[in-house]
Amino acid sequence: MALTKVRTGGITDGAVTGAKVPAATSGWRHIKTQTGANVSSVDFLHGTSDVVFDDTYEVYEFIVHYFYTASGHELRILPSQDGSGFTTTNTLGYVHGGYENGSGSNHWHNEMGAVGFYRSSISGGDAENEQFGGQIRVYNPYDSAKNTVAVSQFGGLQSSSVYFISNAMGSLSVAGRTYGLQFKSETSNVYTKISLYGIKDS
């Protein structure tokens, strides 16, 4: 039986030559992927290098494909509140997680203080086979009448006997616009790959 070509417009379906499927109206939209090798930070700032972080989307998500450091320090994620720099000012957060340190396990849940939108509970590894991965989702960052909220989940390996998982929230402690995020470590250079997506609901 011959295949029928459906001509509804939209995206070509590679499985059936000539067939068409409707274009998606919702879901993740890839904005930008950046990599850094032995750099001080990887920055996503609205209006810079094709980064979009405005009212185009109500929700944005960053996927950290991998993250490790040059000499072992925490993963930090800082917001931009002025469109040019990144800071921990007017931020707060809460984390719940656990880790294995070789001699036993531990877990915690505590207020993080003004550390930006995220600070890892253990230091990043300093080799390619000692990495972190995870994601951070940012809600309504463009709305200056709201406090931007970011929710994250990360897991990582510092060494063969030190590894962790954490769920955390970070927020602005005052209402205001967020223009982007910076990914860095406490003092060390980093190796990382990060993708930014906008989430469209209609």
C-alpha atoms as a PDB file:
ATOM      1  CA  MET A   1       0.000   0.000   0.000  1.00  0.00           C
ATOM      2  CA  ALA A   2       1.373   3.424  -0.939  1.00  0.00           C
ATOM      3  CA  LEU A   3       2.127   5.973   1.739  1.00  0.00           C
ATOM      4  CA  THR A   4      -0.105   9.031   1.838  1.00  0.00           C
ATOM      5  CA  LYS A   5       1.630  12.395   1.964  1.00  0.00           C
ATOM      6  CA  VAL A   6       0.071  14.615   4.579  1.00  0.00           C
ATOM      7  CA  ARG A   7       0.366  18.280   3.619  1.00  0.00           C
ATOM      8  CA  THR A   8      -0.478  20.131   6.800  1.00  0.00           C
ATOM      9  CA  GLY A   9       2.593  22.351   6.913  1.00  0.00           C
ATOM     10  CA  GLY A  10       5.177  22.394   9.690  1.00  0.00           C
ATOM     11  CA  ILE A  11       8.236  20.239  10.242  1.00  0.00           C
ATOM     12  CA  THR A  12       9.308  17.543   7.815  1.00  0.00           C
ATOM     13  CA  ASP A  13       9.070  14.069   9.319  1.00  0.00           C
ATOM     14  CA  GLY A  14      12.287  12.274   8.443  1.00  0.00           C
ATOM     15  CA  ALA A  15      10.677   8.870   8.953  1.00  0.00           C
ATOM     16  CA  VAL A  16       8.284   9.276   6.014  1.00  0.00           C
ATOM     17  CA  THR A  17       9.581  11.112   2.973  1.00  0.00           C
ATOM     18  CA  GLY A  18       7.425  14.105   2.154  1.00  0.00           C
ATOM     19  CA  ALA A  19       5.198  13.804   5.204  1.00  0.00           C
ATOM     20  CA  LYS A  20       4.613  16.856   7.346  1.00  0.00           C
ATOM     21  CA  VAL A  21       3.788  17.240  11.023  1.00  0.00           C
ATOM     22  CA  PRO A  22       2.500  20.413  12.677  1.00  0.00           C
ATOM     23  CA  ALA A  23       5.128  22.755  14.090  1.00  0.00           C
ATOM     24  CA  ALA A  24       5.391  22.629  17.879  1.00  0.00           C
ATOM     25  CA  THR A  25       3.733  25.491  19.726  1.00  0.00           C
ATOM     26  CA  SER A  26       5.035  24.622  23.178  1.00  0.00           C
ATOM     27  CA  GLY A  27       8.020  22.972  24.800  1.00  0.00           C
ATOM     28  CA  TRP A  28      11.729  23.691  25.145  1.00  0.00           C
ATOM     29  CA  ARG A  29      13.377  26.100  22.719  1.00  0.00           C
ATOM     30  CA  HIS A  30      17.164  25.968  22.580  1.00  0.00           C
ATOM     31  CA  ILE A  31      18.718  29.419  22.922  1.00  0.00           C
ATOM     32  CA  LYS A  32      22.471  28.942  23.354  1.00  0.00           C
ATOM     33  CA  THR A  33      25.135  26.423  24.374  1.00  0.00           C
ATOM     34  CA  GLN A  34      28.486  27.560  25.740  1.00  0.00           C
ATOM     35  CA  THR A  35      31.627  25.670  26.687  1.00  0.00           C
ATOM     36  CA  GLY A  36      34.562  26.858  28.732  1.00  0.00           C
ATOM     37  CA  ALA A  37      37.983  25.270  29.198  1.00  0.00           C
ATOM     38  CA  ASN A  38      40.081  26.636  32.066  1.00  0.00           C
ATOM     39  CA  VAL A  39      38.057  29.879  32.201  1.00  0.00           C
ATOM     40  CA  SER A  40      37.081  32.005  35.179  1.00  0.00           C
ATOM     41  CA  SER A  41      33.350  31.732  34.415  1.00  0.00           C
ATOM     42  CA  VAL A  42      30.731  31.051  31.770  1.00  0.00           C
ATOM     43  CA  ASP A  43      28.203  33.882  31.560  1.00  0.00           C
ATOM     44  CA  PHE A  44      24.728  34.056  30.065  1.00  0.00           C
ATOM     45  CA  LEU A  45      23.662  37.712  29.891  1.00  0.00           C
ATOM     46  CA  HIS A  46      20.621  38.982  28.015  1.00  0.00           C
ATOM     47  CA  GLY A  47      21.535  40.743  24.769  1.00  0.00           C
ATOM     48  CA  THR A  48      25.104  39.420  24.748  1.00  0.00           C
ATOM     49  CA  SER A  49      26.247  36.822  22.188  1.00  0.00           C
ATOM     50  CA  ASP A  50      22.685  35.893  21.146  1.00  0.00           C
ATOM     51  CA  VAL A  51      21.523  35.204  24.718  1.00  0.00           C
ATOM     52  CA  VAL A  52      17.789  35.805  25.273  1.00  0.00           C
ATOM     53  CA  PHE A  53      16.667  36.245  28.889  1.00  0.00           C
ATOM     54  CA  ASP A  54      13.610  38.474  28.801  1.00  0.00           C
ATOM     55  CA  ASP A  55       9.826  38.167  28.509  1.00  0.00           C
ATOM     56  CA  THR A  56      10.114  35.949  25.426  1.00  0.00           C
ATOM     57  CA  TYR A  57       9.681  33.066  27.897  1.00  0.00           C
ATOM     58  CA  GLU A  58       8.274  32.960  31.421  1.00  0.00           C
ATOM     59  CA  VAL A  59      10.567  30.076  32.423  1.00  0.00           C
ATOM     60  CA  TYR A  60      14.196  29.385  31.473  1.00  0.00           C
ATOM     61  CA  GLU A  61      16.282  26.299  32.151  1.00  0.00           C
ATOM     62  CA  PHE A  62      20.039  25.803  32.132  1.00  0.00           C
ATOM     63  CA  ILE A  63      21.394  22.292  31.626  1.00  0.00           C
ATOM     64  CA  VAL A  64      24.919  21.739  32.967  1.00  0.00           C
ATOM     65  CA  HIS A  65      26.266  18.907  30.807  1.00  0.00           C
ATOM     66  CA  TYR A  66      29.456  18.764  32.885  1.00  0.00           C
ATOM     67  CA  PHE A  67      31.374  20.954  35.306  1.00  0.00           C
ATOM     68  CA  TYR A  68      34.767  20.455  36.958  1.00  0.00           C
ATOM     69  CA  THR A  69      37.468  22.793  38.164  1.00  0.00           C
ATOM     70  CA  ALA A  70      41.165  23.441  37.713  1.00  0.00           C
ATOM     71  CA  SER A  71      41.949  22.968  41.403  1.00  0.00           C
ATOM     72  CA  GLY A  72      38.793  21.942  43.253  1.00  0.00           C
ATOM     73  CA  HIS A  73      36.275  24.526  44.479  1.00  0.00           C
ATOM     74  CA  GLU A  74      32.482  24.841  44.733  1.00  0.00           C
ATOM     75  CA  LEU A  75      30.116  25.406  41.831  1.00  0.00           C
ATOM     76  CA  ARG A  76      28.574  28.868  42.174  1.00  0.00           C
ATOM     77  CA  ILE A  77      25.649  30.310  40.179  1.00  0.00           C
ATOM     78  CA  LEU A  78      25.160  34.070  40.476  1.00  0.00           C
ATOM     79  CA  PRO A  79      22.385  36.252  39.011  1.00  0.00           C
ATOM     80  CA  SER A  80      22.759  39.541  37.171  1.00  0.00           C
ATOM     81  CA  GLN A  81      20.464  42.183  38.603  1.00  0.00           C
ATOM     82  CA  ASP A  82      21.715  45.143  36.554  1.00  0.00           C
ATOM     83  CA  GLY A  83      22.355  43.698  33.081  1.00  0.00           C
ATOM     84  CA  SER A  84      26.140  43.897  33.308  1.00  0.00           C
ATOM     85  CA  GLY A  85      27.611  42.275  36.451  1.00  0.00           C
ATOM     86  CA  PHE A  86      26.834  39.250  38.655  1.00  0.00           C
ATOM     87  CA  THR A  87      26.452  39.359  42.434  1.00  0.00           C
ATOM     88  CA  THR A  88      25.257  37.615  45.586  1.00  0.00           C
ATOM     89  CA  THR A  89      23.661  40.851  46.847  1.00  0.00           C
ATOM     90  CA  ASN A  90      19.935  40.536  47.668  1.00  0.00           C
ATOM     91  CA  THR A  91      19.964  36.752  47.271  1.00  0.00           C
ATOM     92  CA  LEU A  92      18.944  33.915  49.548  1.00  0.00           C
ATOM     93  CA  GLY A  93      18.637  30.166  49.288  1.00  0.00           C
ATOM     94  CA  TYR A  94      17.830  26.824  50.848  1.00  0.00           C
ATOM     95  CA  VAL A  95      19.338  23.404  50.119  1.00  0.00           C
ATOM     96  CA  HIS A  96      18.573  19.773  50.917  1.00  0.00           C
ATOM     97  CA  GLY A  97      21.048  17.085  49.987  1.00  0.00           C
ATOM     98  CA  GLY A  98      23.440  14.354  50.962  1.00  0.00           C
ATOM     99  CA  TYR A  99      26.913  13.068  50.281  1.00  0.00           C
ATOM    100  CA  GLU A 100      29.260  10.133  50.770  1.00  0.00           C
ATOM    101  CA  ASN A 101      32.772  11.007  51.918  1.00  0.00           C
ATOM    102  CA  GLY A 102      34.463   7.606  52.016  1.00  0.00           C
ATOM    103  CA  SER A 103      34.050   7.054  55.734  1.00  0.00           C
ATOM    104  CA  GLY A 104      30.283   7.446  55.835  1.00  0.00           C
ATOM    105  CA  SER A 105      27.259   9.297  54.550  1.00  0.00           C
ATOM    106  CA  ASN A 106      25.742  12.548  55.669  1.00  0.00           C
ATOM    107  CA  HIS A 107      22.732  14.607  54.718  1.00  0.00           C
ATOM    108  CA  TRP A 108      21.662  18.154  55.445  1.00  0.00           C
ATOM    109  CA  HIS A 109      18.999  20.759  54.918  1.00  0.00           C
ATOM    110  CA  ASN A 110      19.822  24.344  55.656  1.00  0.00           C
ATOM    111  CA  GLU A 111      19.484  27.966  54.703  1.00  0.00           C
ATOM    112  CA  MET A 112      22.392  28.897  52.410  1.00  0.00           C
ATOM    113  CA  GLY A 113      22.516  32.627  53.038  1.00  0.00           C
ATOM    114  CA  ALA A 114      23.369  35.194  50.389  1.00  0.00           C
ATOM    115  CA  VAL A 115      25.409  32.956  48.077  1.00  0.00           C
ATOM    116  CA  GLY A 116      23.620  33.686  44.789  1.00  0.00           C
ATOM    117  CA  PHE A 117      21.180  31.202  43.271  1.00  0.00           C
ATOM    118  CA  TYR A 118      23.278  28.105  44.045  1.00  0.00           C
ATOM    119  CA  ARG A 119      26.429  26.957  45.825  1.00  0.00           C
ATOM    120  CA  SER A 120      27.421  23.296  45.792  1.00  0.00           C
ATOM    121  CA  SER A 121      27.867  21.530  49.105  1.00  0.00           C
ATOM    122  CA  ILE A 122      31.177  19.947  48.097  1.00  0.00           C
ATOM    123  CA  SER A 123      34.009  21.182  45.918  1.00  0.00           C
ATOM    124  CA  GLY A 124      34.109  20.203  42.281  1.00  0.00           C
ATOM    125  CA  GLY A 125      36.598  17.634  41.150  1.00  0.00           C
ATOM    126  CA  ASP A 126      39.751  18.722  39.342  1.00  0.00           C
ATOM    127  CA  ALA A 127      39.794  16.173  36.512  1.00  0.00           C
ATOM    128  CA  GLU A 128      37.634  15.219  33.551  1.00  0.00           C
ATOM    129  CA  ASN A 129      36.466  12.037  35.297  1.00  0.00           C
ATOM    130  CA  GLU A 130      35.334  14.012  38.396  1.00  0.00           C
ATOM    131  CA  GLN A 131      32.390  16.084  37.270  1.00  0.00           C
ATOM    132  CA  PHE A 132      29.122  17.678  38.321  1.00  0.00           C
ATOM    133  CA  GLY A 133      25.933  17.738  36.264  1.00  0.00           C
ATOM    134  CA  GLY A 134      22.411  19.047  36.704  1.00  0.00           C
ATOM    135  CA  GLN A 135      19.997  21.822  35.911  1.00  0.00           C
ATOM    136  CA  ILE A 136      18.644  25.085  37.249  1.00  0.00           C
ATOM    137  CA  ARG A 137      15.213  26.419  36.267  1.00  0.00           C
ATOM    138  CA  VAL A 138      14.484  30.157  36.576  1.00  0.00           C
ATOM    139  CA  TYR A 139      10.934  31.507  36.923  1.00  0.00           C
ATOM    140  CA  ASN A 140       9.750  34.922  35.676  1.00  0.00           C
ATOM    141  CA  PRO A 141      13.200  36.539  35.624  1.00  0.00           C
ATOM    142  CA  TYR A 142      12.078  39.465  33.472  1.00  0.00           C
ATOM    143  CA  ASP A 143       9.267  40.667  35.772  1.00  0.00           C
ATOM    144  CA  SER A 144      10.585  43.478  37.955  1.00  0.00           C
ATOM    145  CA  ALA A 145       7.508  43.257  40.201  1.00  0.00           C
ATOM    146  CA  LYS A 146       8.402  39.705  41.243  1.00  0.00           C
ATOM    147  CA  ASN A 147      11.230  38.058  43.160  1.00  0.00           C
ATOM    148  CA  THR A 148      13.004  35.792  40.684  1.00  0.00           C
ATOM    149  CA  VAL A 149      13.005  32.191  41.935  1.00  0.00           C
ATOM    150  CA  ALA A 150      15.427  29.491  40.728  1.00  0.00           C
ATOM    151  CA  VAL A 151      15.122  25.788  41.553  1.00  0.00           C
ATOM    152  CA  SER A 152      18.029  23.427  40.935  1.00  0.00           C
ATOM    153  CA  GLN A 153      19.091  19.817  41.138  1.00  0.00           C
ATOM    154  CA  PHE A 154      22.729  18.790  40.946  1.00  0.00           C
ATOM    155  CA  GLY A 155      24.782  15.701  41.537  1.00  0.00           C
ATOM    156  CA  GLY A 156      28.497  15.263  41.349  1.00  0.00           C
ATOM    157  CA  LEU A 157      31.632  13.273  41.883  1.00  0.00           C
ATOM    158  CA  GLN A 158      34.623  14.847  43.586  1.00  0.00           C
ATOM    159  CA  SER A 159      36.574  11.583  43.735  1.00  0.00           C
ATOM    160  CA  SER A 160      35.820   7.865  43.762  1.00  0.00           C
ATOM    161  CA  SER A 161      34.726   8.137  47.415  1.00  0.00           C
ATOM    162  CA  VAL A 162      33.208  11.638  47.585  1.00  0.00           C
ATOM    163  CA  TYR A 163      29.954  12.298  45.750  1.00  0.00           C
ATOM    164  CA  PHE A 164      26.725  14.193  46.388  1.00  0.00           C
ATOM    165  CA  ILE A 165      23.229  15.139  45.321  1.00  0.00           C
ATOM    166  CA  SER A 166      21.326  18.306  46.199  1.00  0.00           C
ATOM    167  CA  ASN A 167      18.002  19.997  45.606  1.00  0.00           C
ATOM    168  CA  ALA A 168      18.020  23.723  46.194  1.00  0.00           C
ATOM    169  CA  MET A 169      16.186  26.970  45.664  1.00  0.00           C
ATOM    170  CA  GLY A 170      17.678  30.394  45.210  1.00  0.00           C
ATOM    171  CA  SER A 171      15.845  33.685  44.989  1.00  0.00           C
ATOM    172  CA  LEU A 172      16.183  37.412  44.985  1.00  0.00           C
ATOM    173  CA  SER A 173      15.266  38.702  48.429  1.00  0.00           C
ATOM    174  CA  VAL A 174      13.733  41.798  46.826  1.00  0.00           C
ATOM    175  CA  ALA A 175      11.555  42.201  43.752  1.00  0.00           C
ATOM    176  CA  GLY A 176      13.519  42.900  40.599  1.00  0.00           C
ATOM    177  CA  ARG A 177      14.565  41.853  37.126  1.00  0.00           C
ATOM    178  CA  THR A 178      17.178  39.141  36.522  1.00  0.00           C
ATOM    179  CA  TYR A 179      19.178  39.486  33.294  1.00  0.00           C
ATOM    180  CA  GLY A 180      21.125  36.227  33.288  1.00  0.00           C
ATOM    181  CA  LEU A 181      23.300  33.805  35.238  1.00  0.00           C
ATOM    182  CA  GLN A 182      27.022  33.265  35.752  1.00  0.00           C
ATOM    183  CA  PHE A 183      28.532  29.829  36.388  1.00  0.00           C
ATOM    184  CA  LYS A 184      31.880  29.762  38.203  1.00  0.00           C
ATOM    185  CA  SER A 185      33.729  28.247  41.133  1.00  0.00           C
ATOM    186  CA  GLU A 186      34.783  29.846  44.393  1.00  0.00           C
ATOM    187  CA  THR A 187      38.351  30.667  43.325  1.00  0.00           C
ATOM    188  CA  SER A 188      39.365  28.191  40.625  1.00  0.00           C
ATOM    189  CA  ASN A 189      39.000  28.246  36.852  1.00  0.00           C
ATOM    190  CA  VAL A 190      36.429  25.844  35.421  1.00  0.00           C
ATOM    191  CA  TYR A 191      35.773  23.394  32.606  1.00  0.00           C
ATOM    192  CA  THR A 192      32.103  23.214  31.648  1.00  0.00           C
ATOM    193  CA  LYS A 193      29.412  22.914  28.990  1.00  0.00           C
ATOM    194  CA  ILE A 194      26.052  24.593  29.612  1.00  0.00           C
ATOM    195  CA  SER A 195      22.910  24.925  27.476  1.00  0.00           C
ATOM    196  CA  LEU A 196      20.163  27.521  27.920  1.00  0.00           C
ATOM    197  CA  TYR A 197      16.534  26.791  26.944  1.00  0.00           C
ATOM    198  CA  GLY A 198      13.369  28.820  27.049  1.00  0.00           C
ATOM    199  CA  ILE A 199      10.179  26.962  27.965  1.00  0.00           C
ATOM    200  CA  LYS A 200       7.172  27.976  25.902  1.00  0.00           C
ATOM    201  CA  ASP A 201       3.693  27.096  27.121  1.00  0.00           C
ATOM    202  CA  SER A 202       1.646  28.029  24.064  1.00  0.00           C
END
